[in-house]
Amino acid sequence: MLSESYLEKGITALSRAGEKAPMAGHTGAAVIAAYFFCQNTRLDAATQSMIRKHVDALIEASGKGWYPGSENPEERGALFKPHPAAPSDLHLCQDILSVLDRKITRLRSSGHCTIFASLALKALKRMPSMATPSVVGGICRLIESFSDSPGQGYYGKEKGWIKGIPVAPEEHLPPYENLDSVVHAAFREVVTHDKIRRKGYGSLVHLMTHTNALLDLTEMGSGEMARKGYAAHQTHIMLLRSLPPDLDENDGVVFLKPNPHNPLTYDYWAGVDANQPSASALGLGGMDHILKVNYAFFNLIESVKTPDLQAQYMEHLGYLT
């Protein structure tokens, strides 16, 4: 397992991201996700060691590519600069929830606003000694920094990238009755997807991490907060459905190729290449997304209580990782 020192680093990086840019939160979120993935799954020592190497490399890169100026030498390690020692108070996490309450009703940056907030809250609940005013304040600034943009999608050579189009989820999707209906709706999108490459809104990878954020919030006792995010989740689904195929240079469709290895095995982590697009064709931030989606998927699959459905959903895991 990863030690709690990694959880501390992840929390620190998320809080420092508030000083940089919204997407700078990827690094801290990935480290936190890796910690919980290793805690929640049964991995042999060799597999855990390989994951640790990937996380160490992520920490060494310190958010490179995620915010303006991140490649400057003086920025090296900036996300992991410890905060001054101060008394902790877990009640300060209510400040994070208060900021999220103003943000969660709309889809923002393909769900990242809710994803980062939920991971921060889960990490602080596990390590309350990190809930100091400067740490919580930094996380609040990060969540507050997300704009109203739902993210962007690629609509072909003529239209290019567009930051959201009008969608009407209420005309195409039934209202969610509870969290189970949210989880199954997300998995159905994966199962029924035609496995043709599309680009935008974080792909199905971020639909998974967005869904898991609502699950985590609910399990932490913030179910009412999570319910406020149901409409944004349906908007996410509809925007993903709106994307046309991303054609190759000969205007042909490109089919996604699933990763053949299960993420619970050494072969998966030994063979994964953080510099290559994932099976879902999500290119930027390879290892950040690999760690987050694996934590999300296996956390979500545990919430599915029907064995047949679990098996069906598991068959499509390779297209996400």
Protein backbone atom coordinates (compact mmCIF):
# COMPACT_ATOMS: atom_id res chain seq x y z
CA MET A 1 0.00 0.00 0.00
CA LEU A 2 1.01 3.61 -0.40
CA SER A 3 1.87 5.22 2.92
CA GLU A 4 -0.05 8.16 4.33
CA SER A 5 2.80 10.40 3.24
CA TYR A 6 1.35 10.13 -0.26
CA LEU A 7 -2.04 11.23 0.98
CA GLU A 8 -0.37 14.24 2.59
CA LYS A 9 1.38 15.07 -0.68
CA GLY A 10 -1.87 14.76 -2.63
CA ILE A 11 -3.74 17.09 -0.27
CA THR A 12 -0.89 19.60 -0.40
CA ALA A 13 -0.80 19.55 -4.19
CA LEU A 14 -4.56 20.07 -4.45
CA SER A 15 -4.39 23.03 -2.10
CA ARG A 16 -1.42 24.57 -3.94
CA ALA A 17 -3.26 24.16 -7.25
CA GLY A 18 -5.54 26.93 -6.06
CA GLU A 19 -2.59 29.27 -6.54
CA LYS A 20 -1.99 28.11 -10.12
CA ALA A 21 -4.96 27.15 -12.31
CA PRO A 22 -8.02 24.86 -12.09
CA MET A 23 -6.42 22.04 -14.11
CA ALA A 24 -3.36 22.08 -11.85
CA GLY A 25 -5.53 20.04 -9.50
CA HIS A 26 -4.96 16.96 -11.65
CA THR A 27 -1.69 16.03 -9.96
CA GLY A 28 -2.86 16.14 -6.36
CA ALA A 29 -6.13 14.43 -7.28
CA ALA A 30 -4.23 11.61 -9.00
CA VAL A 31 -1.98 11.04 -5.98
CA ILE A 32 -5.00 10.88 -3.68
CA ALA A 33 -6.80 8.52 -6.07
CA ALA A 34 -3.73 6.27 -6.19
CA TYR A 35 -3.66 6.10 -2.40
CA PHE A 36 -7.29 5.02 -2.17
CA PHE A 37 -7.00 2.64 -5.12
CA CYS A 38 -4.18 0.81 -3.35
CA GLN A 39 -6.12 0.86 -0.06
CA ASN A 40 -9.33 -0.48 -1.55
CA THR A 41 -8.07 -3.26 -3.83
CA ARG A 42 -6.09 -6.44 -3.36
CA LEU A 43 -2.77 -5.93 -5.07
CA ASP A 44 0.35 -8.02 -4.72
CA ALA A 45 3.61 -6.43 -3.60
CA ALA A 46 5.09 -6.21 -7.10
CA THR A 47 2.00 -4.45 -8.45
CA GLN A 48 1.95 -1.97 -5.59
CA SER A 49 5.64 -1.28 -6.13
CA MET A 50 5.03 -0.54 -9.81
CA ILE A 51 2.16 1.82 -8.97
CA ARG A 52 4.41 3.57 -6.45
CA LYS A 53 6.98 4.18 -9.18
CA HIS A 54 4.33 5.80 -11.38
CA VAL A 55 3.13 8.00 -8.52
CA ASP A 56 6.69 9.00 -7.62
CA ALA A 57 7.26 10.03 -11.25
CA LEU A 58 4.05 12.06 -11.15
CA ILE A 59 5.21 13.84 -8.01
CA GLU A 60 8.61 14.49 -9.56
CA ALA A 61 6.93 16.08 -12.60
CA SER A 62 5.00 18.36 -10.21
CA GLY A 63 2.12 19.29 -12.46
CA LYS A 64 4.19 19.86 -15.58
CA GLY A 65 1.90 20.83 -18.44
CA TRP A 66 -1.16 21.52 -16.30
CA TYR A 67 -0.77 25.25 -15.73
CA PRO A 68 0.97 28.23 -17.36
CA GLY A 69 4.65 28.33 -16.46
CA SER A 70 4.65 24.81 -15.03
CA GLU A 71 7.66 23.89 -17.15
CA ASN A 72 9.84 26.63 -15.66
CA PRO A 73 12.63 25.26 -13.45
CA GLU A 74 11.58 27.46 -10.52
CA GLU A 75 8.16 25.77 -10.51
CA ARG A 76 9.63 22.35 -9.84
CA GLY A 77 8.10 21.05 -6.64
CA ALA A 78 5.86 24.09 -6.22
CA LEU A 79 2.68 22.04 -5.91
CA PHE A 80 4.16 19.98 -3.09
CA LYS A 81 5.54 22.85 -0.99
CA PRO A 82 4.33 22.15 2.56
CA HIS A 83 2.08 24.65 4.27
CA PRO A 84 3.19 26.24 7.55
CA ALA A 85 2.30 24.18 10.59
CA ALA A 86 -1.00 25.20 12.14
CA PRO A 87 -3.76 23.72 14.29
CA SER A 88 -6.16 21.54 12.33
CA ASP A 89 -9.93 21.54 12.50
CA LEU A 90 -11.96 19.09 10.43
CA HIS A 91 -14.95 21.42 10.71
CA LEU A 92 -13.14 23.71 8.26
CA CYS A 93 -14.10 21.23 5.55
CA GLN A 94 -17.55 22.80 5.70
CA ASP A 95 -15.94 25.71 3.84
CA ILE A 96 -15.16 23.37 0.93
CA LEU A 97 -18.74 22.12 0.91
CA SER A 98 -20.02 25.69 0.95
CA VAL A 99 -17.99 26.57 -2.14
CA LEU A 100 -18.99 23.34 -3.87
CA ASP A 101 -22.63 24.08 -3.11
CA ARG A 102 -22.35 27.12 -5.38
CA LYS A 103 -20.72 25.12 -8.16
CA ILE A 104 -22.12 21.59 -8.26
CA THR A 105 -25.45 22.34 -9.93
CA ARG A 106 -23.73 23.02 -13.28
CA LEU A 107 -21.30 20.88 -15.25
CA ARG A 108 -17.93 22.59 -15.00
CA SER A 109 -14.81 21.52 -16.89
CA SER A 110 -16.09 18.00 -17.59
CA GLY A 111 -16.84 17.40 -13.93
CA HIS A 112 -13.41 18.36 -12.58
CA CYS A 113 -14.81 20.85 -10.08
CA THR A 114 -16.82 18.15 -8.31
CA ILE A 115 -14.13 15.49 -8.81
CA PHE A 116 -11.39 17.55 -7.15
CA ALA A 117 -13.62 18.68 -4.29
CA SER A 118 -14.76 15.15 -3.44
CA LEU A 119 -11.22 13.76 -3.47
CA ALA A 120 -10.04 16.60 -1.24
CA LEU A 121 -12.84 15.99 1.25
CA LYS A 122 -12.24 12.24 1.31
CA ALA A 123 -8.52 12.72 1.85
CA LEU A 124 -9.00 15.25 4.64
CA LYS A 125 -11.49 12.96 6.34
CA ARG A 126 -8.84 10.21 6.30
CA MET A 127 -6.10 12.63 7.42
CA PRO A 128 -7.77 15.31 9.57
CA SER A 129 -4.39 16.66 10.72
CA MET A 130 -4.11 18.27 7.28
CA ALA A 131 -7.32 20.28 7.71
CA THR A 132 -5.57 23.55 8.52
CA PRO A 133 -6.76 27.01 7.45
CA SER A 134 -4.13 27.38 4.71
CA VAL A 135 -4.75 23.92 3.25
CA VAL A 136 -8.53 24.22 3.28
CA GLY A 137 -8.30 27.80 2.00
CA GLY A 138 -6.21 26.65 -0.96
CA ILE A 139 -8.70 23.91 -1.84
CA CYS A 140 -11.55 26.43 -1.62
CA ARG A 141 -9.70 28.75 -4.01
CA LEU A 142 -9.22 25.85 -6.43
CA ILE A 143 -12.92 24.95 -6.45
CA GLU A 144 -13.95 28.58 -6.67
CA SER A 145 -11.69 29.10 -9.70
CA PHE A 146 -13.77 26.89 -11.99
CA SER A 147 -15.76 28.88 -14.53
CA ASP A 148 -19.22 28.13 -15.90
CA SER A 149 -17.80 26.34 -18.95
CA PRO A 150 -18.87 22.68 -19.16
CA GLY A 151 -15.64 21.81 -20.94
CA GLN A 152 -15.16 21.48 -24.65
CA GLY A 153 -15.88 18.98 -27.41
CA TYR A 154 -14.46 18.41 -30.86
CA TYR A 155 -17.21 18.64 -33.49
CA GLY A 156 -15.23 17.87 -36.63
CA LYS A 157 -12.86 19.70 -38.94
CA GLU A 158 -15.31 22.44 -39.90
CA LYS A 159 -16.63 23.30 -36.45
CA GLY A 160 -13.57 22.38 -34.42
CA TRP A 161 -13.59 22.63 -30.63
CA ILE A 162 -16.70 24.14 -29.02
CA LYS A 163 -17.18 24.90 -25.34
CA GLY A 164 -20.53 23.24 -24.91
CA ILE A 165 -23.69 23.16 -26.99
CA PRO A 166 -27.33 23.37 -25.85
CA VAL A 167 -28.60 20.03 -24.59
CA ALA A 168 -31.86 19.07 -22.93
CA PRO A 169 -31.28 16.09 -20.62
CA GLU A 170 -34.83 16.26 -19.31
CA GLU A 171 -36.11 15.39 -22.81
CA HIS A 172 -33.92 12.30 -23.19
CA LEU A 173 -33.10 10.95 -19.74
CA PRO A 174 -35.44 10.05 -16.86
CA PRO A 175 -34.76 11.88 -13.59
CA TYR A 176 -32.41 10.05 -11.28
CA GLU A 177 -34.28 8.47 -8.41
CA ASN A 178 -31.21 7.86 -6.26
CA LEU A 179 -27.47 7.31 -6.42
CA ASP A 180 -27.87 3.78 -7.79
CA SER A 181 -29.61 5.18 -10.86
CA VAL A 182 -26.71 7.60 -11.37
CA VAL A 183 -24.15 4.80 -11.20
CA HIS A 184 -26.06 2.50 -13.55
CA ALA A 185 -26.68 5.34 -16.01
CA ALA A 186 -22.94 5.98 -16.23
CA PHE A 187 -22.11 2.32 -16.70
CA ARG A 188 -24.80 2.00 -19.37
CA GLU A 189 -23.11 4.77 -21.33
CA VAL A 190 -19.90 2.74 -21.30
CA VAL A 191 -21.60 -0.53 -22.21
CA THR A 192 -23.68 0.90 -25.07
CA HIS A 193 -20.93 3.13 -26.48
CA ASP A 194 -20.04 2.14 -30.04
CA LYS A 195 -16.31 2.28 -29.16
CA ILE A 196 -15.60 4.78 -31.93
CA ARG A 197 -13.13 7.52 -31.03
CA ARG A 198 -14.60 10.87 -30.05
CA LYS A 199 -12.92 13.80 -28.34
CA GLY A 200 -14.21 16.11 -25.69
CA TYR A 201 -15.80 16.58 -22.27
CA GLY A 202 -13.22 14.27 -20.76
CA SER A 203 -14.51 11.20 -22.62
CA LEU A 204 -16.09 8.32 -20.71
CA VAL A 205 -13.09 8.46 -18.36
CA HIS A 206 -14.38 11.63 -16.76
CA LEU A 207 -17.94 10.43 -16.74
CA MET A 208 -16.65 7.64 -14.49
CA THR A 209 -14.67 9.96 -12.21
CA HIS A 210 -17.56 12.43 -12.11
CA THR A 211 -19.95 9.63 -11.12
CA ASN A 212 -17.57 8.41 -8.45
CA ALA A 213 -17.34 11.92 -7.02
CA LEU A 214 -21.09 11.86 -6.42
CA LEU A 215 -20.75 8.40 -4.83
CA ASP A 216 -17.96 9.58 -2.53
CA LEU A 217 -19.90 12.67 -1.48
CA THR A 218 -22.91 10.51 -0.65
CA GLU A 219 -20.86 8.00 1.34
CA MET A 220 -19.26 10.85 3.30
CA GLY A 221 -22.68 12.02 4.44
CA SER A 222 -23.23 14.73 1.83
CA GLY A 223 -25.96 12.99 -0.10
CA GLU A 224 -28.05 16.13 -0.44
CA MET A 225 -25.05 17.89 -1.95
CA ALA A 226 -24.56 15.01 -4.38
CA ARG A 227 -28.23 15.18 -5.43
CA LYS A 228 -27.71 18.80 -6.40
CA GLY A 229 -25.16 17.49 -8.91
CA TYR A 230 -27.48 15.01 -10.63
CA ALA A 231 -28.59 17.47 -13.32
CA ALA A 232 -24.97 18.33 -14.16
CA HIS A 233 -24.22 14.61 -14.46
CA GLN A 234 -27.02 14.21 -17.00
CA THR A 235 -25.70 17.22 -18.90
CA HIS A 236 -22.34 15.45 -19.01
CA ILE A 237 -23.96 12.37 -20.56
CA MET A 238 -25.81 14.41 -23.17
CA LEU A 239 -22.72 16.38 -24.19
CA LEU A 240 -20.74 13.16 -24.61
CA ARG A 241 -23.56 11.78 -26.76
CA SER A 242 -23.46 14.94 -28.90
CA LEU A 243 -19.91 14.32 -30.09
CA PRO A 244 -19.40 13.09 -33.66
CA PRO A 245 -16.72 10.48 -34.49
CA ASP A 246 -13.19 11.89 -34.57
CA LEU A 247 -12.11 10.84 -38.05
CA ASP A 248 -8.59 9.94 -39.14
CA GLU A 249 -6.62 11.66 -41.92
CA ASN A 250 -8.58 9.67 -44.51
CA ASP A 251 -11.95 10.61 -42.97
CA GLY A 252 -12.41 7.12 -41.59
CA VAL A 253 -13.68 6.21 -38.17
CA VAL A 254 -11.20 5.04 -35.55
CA PHE A 255 -12.20 2.21 -33.23
CA LEU A 256 -10.93 2.23 -29.67
CA LYS A 257 -8.67 -0.63 -28.64
CA PRO A 258 -9.13 -1.91 -25.10
CA ASN A 259 -6.24 -2.44 -22.76
CA PRO A 260 -5.88 -6.24 -22.54
CA HIS A 261 -4.68 -6.26 -18.93
CA ASN A 262 -6.66 -5.86 -15.73
CA PRO A 263 -5.46 -2.92 -13.58
CA LEU A 264 -5.27 -5.25 -10.59
CA THR A 265 -2.32 -7.00 -12.20
CA TYR A 266 1.38 -6.25 -12.48
CA ASP A 267 1.29 -6.60 -16.28
CA TYR A 268 -1.08 -3.65 -16.57
CA TRP A 269 1.09 -1.24 -14.59
CA ALA A 270 4.32 -2.52 -16.10
CA GLY A 271 2.99 -1.96 -19.61
CA VAL A 272 1.02 1.25 -19.28
CA ASP A 273 2.62 4.25 -21.00
CA ALA A 274 1.79 7.60 -19.46
CA ASN A 275 2.91 9.37 -22.63
CA GLN A 276 0.42 7.58 -24.89
CA PRO A 277 -3.33 8.12 -25.23
CA SER A 278 -5.39 5.75 -23.13
CA ALA A 279 -7.69 3.17 -24.65
CA SER A 280 -10.41 5.83 -24.44
CA ALA A 281 -8.24 8.10 -26.64
CA LEU A 282 -7.82 10.62 -23.82
CA GLY A 283 -4.38 12.00 -24.58
CA LEU A 284 -3.33 14.72 -22.12
CA GLY A 285 -2.28 13.80 -18.59
CA GLY A 286 -2.00 10.08 -19.15
CA MET A 287 -0.94 8.88 -15.71
CA ASP A 288 -3.11 11.40 -13.85
CA HIS A 289 -6.17 10.02 -15.61
CA ILE A 290 -5.07 6.38 -15.38
CA LEU A 291 -4.82 6.61 -11.60
CA LYS A 292 -8.09 8.50 -11.15
CA VAL A 293 -10.21 6.34 -13.44
CA ASN A 294 -8.98 3.09 -11.92
CA TYR A 295 -9.80 4.30 -8.43
CA ALA A 296 -13.21 5.50 -9.65
CA PHE A 297 -14.10 2.37 -11.61
CA PHE A 298 -13.29 -0.11 -8.87
CA ASN A 299 -14.95 2.05 -6.23
CA LEU A 300 -18.09 2.29 -8.36
CA ILE A 301 -18.16 -1.40 -9.25
CA GLU A 302 -18.23 -2.25 -5.53
CA SER A 303 -21.47 -0.29 -5.24
CA VAL A 304 -23.14 -2.52 -7.86
CA LYS A 305 -24.82 -5.32 -5.94
CA THR A 306 -26.06 -7.44 -8.86
CA PRO A 307 -23.36 -9.97 -9.88
CA ASP A 308 -24.53 -10.19 -13.50
CA LEU A 309 -24.36 -6.42 -13.91
CA GLN A 310 -20.97 -6.30 -12.23
CA ALA A 311 -19.66 -8.85 -14.71
CA GLN A 312 -21.18 -6.98 -17.65
CA TYR A 313 -19.62 -3.69 -16.58
CA MET A 314 -16.25 -5.31 -15.95
CA GLU A 315 -16.15 -6.51 -19.57
CA HIS A 316 -15.80 -2.89 -20.70
CA LEU A 317 -13.11 -1.78 -18.24
CA GLY A 318 -10.36 -1.98 -20.86
CA TYR A 319 -11.94 0.82 -22.88
CA LEU A 320 -11.50 3.25 -19.99
CA THR A 321 -7.97 2.49 -18.89
